Amino acid sequence: MKTIFLAAGSGTRLHPYTTDRPKWLLPVGGMALLESLVACAHDRGATEVVVVRGRKGGKLRSPSVVYVDDHDRFNMVHSLFKAEAHLSGEAVVSYADILYEPDVLSHLVAADAEVSVVVDFEWEAYYAARTPEPLAIAESLVLEGDRIVDIGQPLQSGEFPCGQYIGLMKFSATGSKVLRETYHDLLKTYRGRAWRNAPRFENAYMTDLLQELVDRGVDVRAVPIHSGWLEFDTASDYEQVLKWEKEGLLSRFLHIDRIPKNPSVLSAGGVVVRQAEGGWEVLLVGDGTDQGWRLPKGMQEPGEGIERTALREVAEETGLEATILQYVGRTGWTYQYGGEWWDERVHFYLMHPVGGSTLKHDAEFPKVEWMPAEQARGALRFDSEREILAIARELLDPSSRPGVEGKR
């Protein structure tokens, strides 16, 4: 799963807090807004994170993030299609000036419509706490069951929306394809011209594009939540959240203790196996001590696919070239480096060696050794990697390991 964050907005309504930085670097709960969102995405399984940033630039501490620059000062739809090269397959698209609890993202990831849109049904209390006239900042939302039929349009007199779009959505592989086709179809006709609620197509709002998909018969469905998010559109929004946090009142709308507290690192590695006379053997790397053994793994580089990360790290740390048999699972831990705490999220793959030599491993670990699977389980330093090895061993059933039987 990939996540694209739309972060090119100038943040003028958040001055003076955004005079010298983009709004997604504003600190909330001890960490920059977007660092919290990226950590949340990594924690919920995202393996590719793209940030579309504006003229103020900015950079996160998470090292594997890919940046796309949008200096045109248009709007969300334009920003999204600056990252069109990444808009394929299943993709989550998120505004970068919001904050949400991890469970909000979990509900979205579990949705299976062509287009899934997070909708807050308890919006009114939150909006009323932000402004004396909550309907003044609300937009239309009309549902038929969970199917969206009207979204993000100016409210008509007497109209009261059943929920509010929060700026978080997911496109299936089919949905991404339809989204791209719809955008380019509209661009041919409306480039430089007024379209829906925008004075020109380049300034189109994301809700206008969602409404266009609805009107074209695309399956656009609501993913319901009941609070658990915040929006940072104005200086007053930001000041109010800081005030609520200081007074212990923020939990009315969002539980800040559920938000990741550390920047995240995305890594990948392999459970490399071969079949020996006594059973399966596992390749481990170690520091030379009895309990210093690890599964080979390492950090993802920007723009690198997660499977490529796993294969590269195995090759560097063990000297062996390998092929991926199947995905094993993901785990994670927290560690301290450079005076900061980091959350590392690691994806592991079951692999089989196809070449190379353990004599050619890099210097990160002095030892590389094949061990019988049961011995390896006891030798691993951390419970999290022992659990990954246990899952891998379950996968090594004859019916689920084509191409492994009999190989050395």
Protein backbone atom coordinates (compact mmCIF):
# COMPACT_ATOMS: atom_id res chain seq x y z
CA MET A 1 0.00 0.00 0.00
CA LYS A 2 1.18 3.50 -0.81
CA THR A 3 0.18 6.79 0.79
CA ILE A 4 0.30 10.18 -0.91
CA PHE A 5 0.22 13.24 1.35
CA LEU A 6 -0.91 16.53 -0.18
CA ALA A 7 1.26 19.12 1.56
CA ALA A 8 1.79 21.92 -0.96
CA GLY A 9 -0.56 24.45 0.63
CA SER A 10 0.99 27.82 1.55
CA GLY A 11 -0.67 27.94 4.97
CA THR A 12 -1.37 31.69 4.87
CA ARG A 13 -4.40 31.29 7.16
CA LEU A 14 -2.07 29.83 9.79
CA HIS A 15 0.23 32.86 10.03
CA PRO A 16 2.25 33.68 12.08
CA TYR A 17 2.90 29.97 12.79
CA THR A 18 3.68 29.23 9.15
CA THR A 19 5.70 32.33 8.31
CA ASP A 20 8.93 30.34 8.10
CA ARG A 21 7.75 26.74 7.64
CA PRO A 22 5.04 24.68 5.95
CA LYS A 23 2.00 23.95 8.08
CA TRP A 24 2.68 20.22 8.11
CA LEU A 25 5.75 20.87 10.27
CA LEU A 26 3.69 22.48 13.04
CA PRO A 27 4.25 20.55 16.28
CA VAL A 28 1.29 18.86 17.94
CA GLY A 29 1.73 16.39 20.78
CA GLY A 30 5.51 16.77 20.60
CA MET A 31 5.95 15.92 16.92
CA ALA A 32 5.34 17.59 13.56
CA LEU A 33 1.89 16.92 12.10
CA LEU A 34 3.12 15.07 9.04
CA GLU A 35 5.71 13.05 10.96
CA SER A 36 2.85 11.71 13.06
CA LEU A 37 0.84 10.87 9.94
CA VAL A 38 3.78 9.14 8.24
CA ALA A 39 4.44 7.12 11.38
CA CYS A 40 0.77 6.18 11.43
CA ALA A 41 0.92 5.12 7.76
CA HIS A 42 4.02 2.97 8.36
CA ASP A 43 2.41 1.42 11.42
CA ARG A 44 -0.66 0.45 9.39
CA GLY A 45 1.35 -1.17 6.61
CA ALA A 46 2.20 1.52 4.06
CA THR A 47 5.37 0.61 2.16
CA GLU A 48 5.59 3.72 -0.03
CA VAL A 49 5.08 7.28 1.27
CA VAL A 50 5.02 10.28 -1.06
CA VAL A 51 4.82 13.90 0.09
CA VAL A 52 3.79 16.61 -2.40
CA ARG A 53 5.32 19.76 -0.91
CA GLY A 54 5.10 23.42 -1.86
CA ARG A 55 7.40 26.40 -2.20
CA LYS A 56 8.43 26.38 1.48
CA GLY A 57 10.01 22.98 1.03
CA GLY A 58 10.53 21.14 4.27
CA LYS A 59 11.73 17.66 5.13
CA LEU A 60 10.73 14.95 7.57
CA ARG A 61 13.07 12.87 9.69
CA SER A 62 11.70 9.63 8.19
CA PRO A 63 14.43 8.79 5.64
CA SER A 64 12.49 6.75 3.06
CA VAL A 65 9.90 9.42 2.18
CA VAL A 66 9.75 10.44 -1.50
CA TYR A 67 9.20 14.17 -2.19
CA VAL A 68 7.42 15.65 -5.17
CA ASP A 69 7.54 19.45 -5.54
CA ASP A 70 4.52 21.53 -6.48
CA HIS A 71 5.36 25.23 -6.70
CA ASP A 72 2.36 26.22 -8.80
CA ARG A 73 0.10 27.42 -5.95
CA PHE A 74 -3.06 25.91 -7.33
CA ASN A 75 -5.07 23.37 -5.29
CA MET A 76 -5.39 19.79 -4.08
CA VAL A 77 -6.30 18.10 -7.36
CA HIS A 78 -3.39 19.75 -9.14
CA SER A 79 -1.05 18.68 -6.32
CA LEU A 80 -2.26 15.10 -6.45
CA PHE A 81 -1.50 14.85 -10.15
CA LYS A 82 1.99 16.22 -9.63
CA ALA A 83 2.46 12.78 -8.05
CA GLU A 84 0.64 10.93 -10.82
CA ALA A 85 3.61 8.60 -11.34
CA HIS A 86 2.78 7.16 -7.90
CA LEU A 87 -1.00 7.10 -8.39
CA SER A 88 -1.49 3.48 -9.40
CA GLY A 89 -2.56 0.33 -7.66
CA GLU A 90 -4.11 0.73 -4.23
CA ALA A 91 -3.37 4.21 -2.89
CA VAL A 92 -4.34 6.19 0.18
CA VAL A 93 -4.52 9.96 -0.35
CA SER A 94 -4.39 12.20 2.71
CA TYR A 95 -4.32 15.90 3.38
CA ALA A 96 -1.26 16.91 5.42
CA ASP A 97 -2.96 19.57 7.57
CA ILE A 98 -5.05 17.08 9.52
CA LEU A 99 -4.28 14.65 12.32
CA TYR A 100 -6.08 11.35 12.93
CA GLU A 101 -5.85 8.37 15.22
CA PRO A 102 -4.36 5.18 13.73
CA ASP A 103 -7.72 3.39 13.94
CA VAL A 104 -9.17 5.94 11.51
CA LEU A 105 -6.61 4.81 8.95
CA SER A 106 -7.25 1.15 9.80
CA HIS A 107 -10.96 1.52 8.96
CA LEU A 108 -10.03 3.11 5.63
CA VAL A 109 -7.46 0.45 4.72
CA ALA A 110 -10.06 -2.27 5.37
CA ALA A 111 -12.59 -0.69 2.98
CA ASP A 112 -12.96 -2.30 -0.45
CA ALA A 113 -14.88 0.17 -2.65
CA GLU A 114 -13.39 1.65 -5.81
CA VAL A 115 -13.19 4.90 -3.88
CA SER A 116 -13.49 4.98 -0.09
CA VAL A 117 -13.84 8.29 1.75
CA VAL A 118 -13.55 8.81 5.51
CA VAL A 119 -16.61 10.63 6.88
CA ASP A 120 -17.06 11.89 10.44
CA PHE A 121 -20.62 11.51 11.72
CA GLU A 122 -19.88 13.39 14.96
CA TRP A 123 -18.56 16.47 13.21
CA GLU A 124 -21.02 18.96 14.65
CA ALA A 125 -19.60 19.08 18.19
CA TYR A 126 -16.07 19.52 16.85
CA TYR A 127 -17.07 22.23 14.38
CA ALA A 128 -19.05 24.03 17.07
CA ALA A 129 -15.94 24.08 19.26
CA ARG A 130 -13.99 25.67 16.40
CA THR A 131 -16.43 28.38 15.42
CA PRO A 132 -19.71 29.94 16.63
CA GLU A 133 -21.27 29.05 13.26
CA PRO A 134 -20.35 25.44 12.46
CA LEU A 135 -22.48 25.32 9.32
CA ALA A 136 -20.40 28.16 7.89
CA ILE A 137 -17.42 25.82 7.52
CA ALA A 138 -19.41 22.66 6.76
CA GLU A 139 -20.00 21.17 3.31
CA SER A 140 -22.68 18.93 1.87
CA LEU A 141 -22.77 15.18 2.38
CA VAL A 142 -25.67 13.02 1.25
CA LEU A 143 -25.62 9.22 1.48
CA GLU A 144 -27.74 6.38 0.19
CA GLY A 145 -26.78 3.65 2.60
CA ASP A 146 -22.99 3.99 2.59
CA ARG A 147 -22.88 5.18 -1.02
CA ILE A 148 -21.98 8.86 -1.42
CA VAL A 149 -24.29 10.77 -3.77
CA ASP A 150 -23.30 14.34 -2.88
CA ILE A 151 -20.09 15.57 -1.25
CA GLY A 152 -18.23 18.79 -0.56
CA GLN A 153 -20.65 21.23 -2.16
CA PRO A 154 -21.75 24.57 -0.64
CA LEU A 155 -24.69 24.07 1.72
CA GLN A 156 -28.05 25.26 0.52
CA SER A 157 -30.43 27.12 2.83
CA GLY A 158 -31.84 24.72 5.41
CA GLU A 159 -29.51 21.90 4.41
CA PHE A 160 -27.82 19.92 7.19
CA PRO A 161 -25.13 17.37 6.25
CA CYS A 162 -25.16 13.92 7.83
CA GLY A 163 -21.36 13.93 8.12
CA GLN A 164 -18.20 15.66 7.01
CA TYR A 165 -15.38 14.66 4.69
CA ILE A 166 -12.07 14.92 6.58
CA GLY A 167 -9.53 14.84 3.73
CA LEU A 168 -8.63 11.14 3.79
CA MET A 169 -9.53 8.62 1.09
CA LYS A 170 -8.41 5.40 -0.59
CA PHE A 171 -8.50 4.34 -4.22
CA SER A 172 -8.46 0.70 -5.24
CA ALA A 173 -6.39 -0.29 -8.25
CA THR A 174 -9.49 0.17 -10.39
CA GLY A 175 -10.33 3.42 -8.60
CA SER A 176 -6.85 4.82 -9.28
CA LYS A 177 -7.20 4.01 -12.96
CA VAL A 178 -10.63 5.64 -13.20
CA LEU A 179 -9.35 8.68 -11.28
CA ARG A 180 -6.50 9.20 -13.72
CA GLU A 181 -8.75 8.77 -16.75
CA THR A 182 -11.34 11.19 -15.34
CA TYR A 183 -8.74 13.84 -14.56
CA HIS A 184 -7.21 13.78 -18.03
CA ASP A 185 -10.62 13.76 -19.65
CA LEU A 186 -11.56 16.89 -17.69
CA LEU A 187 -8.19 18.54 -18.32
CA LYS A 188 -8.71 18.36 -22.08
CA THR A 189 -11.95 20.31 -21.79
CA TYR A 190 -11.44 22.62 -18.82
CA ARG A 191 -7.74 23.51 -18.72
CA GLY A 192 -7.66 27.22 -17.77
CA ARG A 193 -11.46 27.38 -17.60
CA ALA A 194 -13.97 27.51 -14.74
CA TRP A 195 -15.11 24.10 -13.50
CA ARG A 196 -17.62 23.31 -10.75
CA ASN A 197 -16.65 25.40 -7.67
CA ALA A 198 -13.25 26.47 -9.00
CA PRO A 199 -12.59 29.66 -11.03
CA ARG A 200 -10.32 27.52 -13.22
CA PHE A 201 -9.79 23.80 -13.43
CA GLU A 202 -6.25 24.01 -11.99
CA ASN A 203 -7.78 25.32 -8.75
CA ALA A 204 -10.23 22.42 -8.44
CA TYR A 205 -11.07 21.10 -5.00
CA MET A 206 -10.69 17.42 -4.19
CA THR A 207 -14.37 17.20 -3.29
CA ASP A 208 -15.28 18.47 -6.76
CA LEU A 209 -13.29 15.64 -8.32
CA LEU A 210 -14.94 13.15 -5.95
CA GLN A 211 -18.35 14.53 -6.95
CA GLU A 212 -17.40 14.13 -10.60
CA LEU A 213 -16.61 10.46 -9.95
CA VAL A 214 -19.97 10.05 -8.20
CA ASP A 215 -21.79 11.67 -11.12
CA ARG A 216 -20.01 9.32 -13.53
CA GLY A 217 -21.29 6.30 -11.64
CA VAL A 218 -18.07 5.33 -9.85
CA ASP A 219 -18.55 3.36 -6.62
CA VAL A 220 -17.70 6.01 -3.99
CA ARG A 221 -18.50 4.93 -0.44
CA ALA A 222 -18.29 6.45 3.01
CA VAL A 223 -16.04 4.98 5.69
CA PRO A 224 -17.75 6.13 8.91
CA ILE A 225 -15.91 7.40 11.96
CA HIS A 226 -17.10 9.13 15.10
CA SER A 227 -14.50 11.82 15.87
CA GLY A 228 -10.79 10.89 16.23
CA TRP A 229 -9.39 13.61 13.95
CA LEU A 230 -8.44 17.31 13.83
CA GLU A 231 -8.06 19.90 11.09
CA PHE A 232 -5.54 22.77 11.02
CA ASP A 233 -6.92 25.29 8.58
CA THR A 234 -6.48 28.54 10.54
CA ALA A 235 -4.32 29.96 13.31
CA SER A 236 -7.39 29.70 15.55
CA ASP A 237 -7.62 25.94 14.84
CA TYR A 238 -4.01 25.47 15.89
CA GLU A 239 -4.26 27.64 18.99
CA GLN A 240 -7.44 25.90 20.07
CA VAL A 241 -5.83 22.45 19.83
CA LEU A 242 -2.80 23.60 21.87
CA LYS A 243 -5.17 25.04 24.46
CA TRP A 244 -7.25 21.85 24.65
CA GLU A 245 -4.11 19.77 24.99
CA LYS A 246 -2.78 21.96 27.80
CA GLU A 247 -6.11 21.84 29.63
CA GLY A 248 -6.58 18.10 29.16
CA LEU A 249 -9.68 18.57 27.01
CA LEU A 250 -8.36 17.33 23.66
CA SER A 251 -9.73 13.81 24.19
CA ARG A 252 -13.23 15.13 23.41
CA PHE A 253 -12.18 14.99 19.76
CA LEU A 254 -8.91 13.06 19.51
CA HIS A 255 -6.88 10.87 21.88
CA ILE A 256 -3.38 12.27 21.47
CA ASP A 257 -1.92 9.31 23.41
CA ARG A 258 -2.90 7.04 20.50
CA ILE A 259 -0.84 9.03 18.00
CA PRO A 260 2.74 7.77 17.33
CA LYS A 261 5.25 9.70 19.42
CA ASN A 262 8.41 9.02 17.40
CA PRO A 263 9.49 9.48 13.78
CA SER A 264 9.36 6.23 11.88
CA VAL A 265 11.85 4.21 9.87
CA LEU A 266 10.70 1.69 7.29
CA SER A 267 12.84 -1.42 6.82
CA ALA A 268 12.69 -4.82 5.16
CA GLY A 269 14.57 -8.07 5.35
CA GLY A 270 14.50 -11.77 4.72
CA VAL A 271 14.07 -15.13 6.35
CA VAL A 272 16.50 -16.91 4.04
CA VAL A 273 16.10 -20.70 4.13
CA ARG A 274 17.60 -23.80 2.57
CA GLN A 275 16.81 -27.47 3.03
CA ALA A 276 19.54 -29.63 4.54
CA GLU A 277 19.62 -33.30 5.51
CA GLY A 278 18.39 -32.57 9.02
CA GLY A 279 15.64 -30.17 7.94
CA TRP A 280 15.40 -26.46 7.26
CA GLU A 281 18.30 -24.11 7.90
CA VAL A 282 18.01 -20.34 8.35
CA LEU A 283 20.64 -17.73 7.52
CA LEU A 284 21.42 -15.36 10.40
CA VAL A 285 23.80 -12.44 10.90
CA GLY A 286 25.44 -11.74 14.23
CA ASP A 287 27.95 -9.83 16.29
CA GLY A 288 29.81 -12.95 17.46
CA THR A 289 28.02 -13.41 20.80
CA ASP A 290 25.66 -16.29 21.58
CA GLN A 291 22.58 -14.06 21.79
CA GLY A 292 23.65 -11.52 19.18
CA TRP A 293 21.97 -13.10 16.15
CA ARG A 294 19.51 -11.27 13.88
CA LEU A 295 17.57 -11.79 10.69
CA PRO A 296 19.18 -9.75 7.90
CA LYS A 297 17.28 -6.50 7.26
CA GLY A 298 17.80 -2.78 6.78
CA MET A 299 16.27 0.60 5.96
CA GLN A 300 14.39 1.42 2.79
CA GLU A 301 15.96 4.05 0.55
CA PRO A 302 13.79 6.81 -0.98
CA GLY A 303 11.93 5.57 -4.06
CA GLU A 304 12.90 1.95 -3.48
CA GLY A 305 10.21 -0.73 -3.55
CA ILE A 306 9.95 -2.62 -0.28
CA GLU A 307 10.75 -6.00 -1.88
CA ARG A 308 13.84 -4.47 -3.47
CA THR A 309 14.87 -3.20 -0.03
CA ALA A 310 14.58 -6.69 1.41
CA LEU A 311 16.65 -8.28 -1.37
CA ARG A 312 19.31 -5.56 -1.28
CA GLU A 313 19.73 -5.73 2.49
CA VAL A 314 20.01 -9.51 2.45
CA ALA A 315 22.66 -9.29 -0.29
CA GLU A 316 24.64 -6.62 1.57
CA GLU A 317 24.53 -8.21 5.02
CA THR A 318 24.96 -11.86 4.01
CA GLY A 319 26.73 -11.75 0.62
CA LEU A 320 24.03 -13.96 -0.89
CA GLU A 321 21.66 -13.18 -3.72
CA ALA A 322 18.16 -14.44 -3.01
CA THR A 323 14.72 -14.71 -4.53
CA ILE A 324 11.47 -13.95 -2.70
CA LEU A 325 9.11 -16.88 -2.17
CA GLN A 326 6.37 -15.04 -0.27
CA TYR A 327 5.61 -12.39 2.30
CA VAL A 328 5.99 -13.42 5.93
CA GLY A 329 4.75 -10.45 7.94
CA ARG A 330 5.75 -7.24 9.62
CA THR A 331 6.93 -6.35 13.07
CA GLY A 332 8.42 -3.35 14.79
CA TRP A 333 10.32 -1.94 17.72
CA THR A 334 11.52 1.33 19.20
CA TYR A 335 15.18 2.24 19.59
CA GLN A 336 17.37 5.24 20.37
CA TYR A 337 19.83 6.65 17.86
CA GLY A 338 21.50 10.04 17.62
CA GLY A 339 19.84 11.18 20.82
CA GLU A 340 16.33 10.51 19.42
CA TRP A 341 13.82 7.69 19.73
CA TRP A 342 12.69 6.01 16.51
CA ASP A 343 9.93 3.56 15.64
CA GLU A 344 11.15 0.99 13.13
CA ARG A 345 8.57 -0.95 11.08
CA VAL A 346 10.02 -3.99 9.32
CA HIS A 347 8.55 -6.17 6.55
CA PHE A 348 10.00 -9.67 6.22
CA TYR A 349 9.95 -12.02 3.23
CA LEU A 350 10.62 -15.73 2.97
CA MET A 351 13.59 -16.16 0.61
CA HIS A 352 15.73 -18.81 -1.01
CA PRO A 353 19.40 -18.26 -1.96
CA VAL A 354 20.25 -18.34 -5.66
CA GLY A 355 23.88 -17.15 -5.75
CA GLY A 356 26.65 -15.20 -4.12
CA SER A 357 28.80 -16.17 -1.16
CA THR A 358 28.64 -15.50 2.58
CA LEU A 359 32.34 -14.63 2.34
CA LYS A 360 31.34 -11.42 0.54
CA HIS A 361 29.05 -9.87 3.17
CA ASP A 362 29.54 -6.26 4.30
CA ALA A 363 31.06 -5.20 7.60
CA GLU A 364 27.84 -4.43 9.49
CA PHE A 365 27.85 -7.87 11.12
CA PRO A 366 31.05 -9.88 11.52
CA LYS A 367 29.27 -13.24 11.45
CA VAL A 368 26.98 -14.86 8.85
CA GLU A 369 25.92 -18.43 9.58
CA TRP A 370 23.42 -21.09 8.52
CA MET A 371 21.64 -22.62 11.52
CA PRO A 372 19.01 -25.35 11.90
CA ALA A 373 15.63 -23.63 12.27
CA GLU A 374 15.11 -24.65 15.90
CA GLN A 375 18.60 -23.55 16.88
CA ALA A 376 18.09 -20.27 15.05
CA ARG A 377 14.91 -19.59 16.99
CA GLY A 378 16.78 -19.86 20.26
CA ALA A 379 19.74 -17.85 19.01
CA LEU A 380 17.77 -14.81 17.84
CA ARG A 381 18.19 -11.81 20.08
CA PHE A 382 14.65 -10.42 19.96
CA ASP A 383 11.19 -11.93 20.50
CA SER A 384 9.82 -10.00 17.51
CA GLU A 385 12.20 -11.77 15.12
CA ARG A 386 11.53 -15.13 16.78
CA GLU A 387 7.83 -14.57 16.02
CA ILE A 388 8.66 -13.80 12.38
CA LEU A 389 10.74 -16.97 12.15
CA ALA A 390 7.88 -18.99 13.65
CA ILE A 391 5.49 -17.66 10.97
CA ALA A 392 8.04 -18.46 8.25
CA ARG A 393 8.40 -22.02 9.49
CA GLU A 394 4.63 -22.48 9.30
CA LEU A 395 4.75 -21.27 5.70
CA LEU A 396 7.33 -23.94 4.85
CA ASP A 397 4.65 -26.53 4.26
CA PRO A 398 5.22 -28.57 1.05
CA SER A 399 1.99 -27.22 -0.46
CA SER A 400 3.07 -23.61 -0.04
CA ARG A 401 6.76 -23.69 -1.02
CA PRO A 402 6.97 -24.28 -4.76
CA GLY A 403 10.52 -24.35 -6.02
CA VAL A 404 12.13 -24.87 -2.60
CA GLU A 405 11.99 -28.65 -2.20
CA GLY A 406 15.35 -30.28 -2.71
CA LYS A 407 17.33 -27.11 -3.32
CA ARG A 408 20.57 -26.28 -1.50
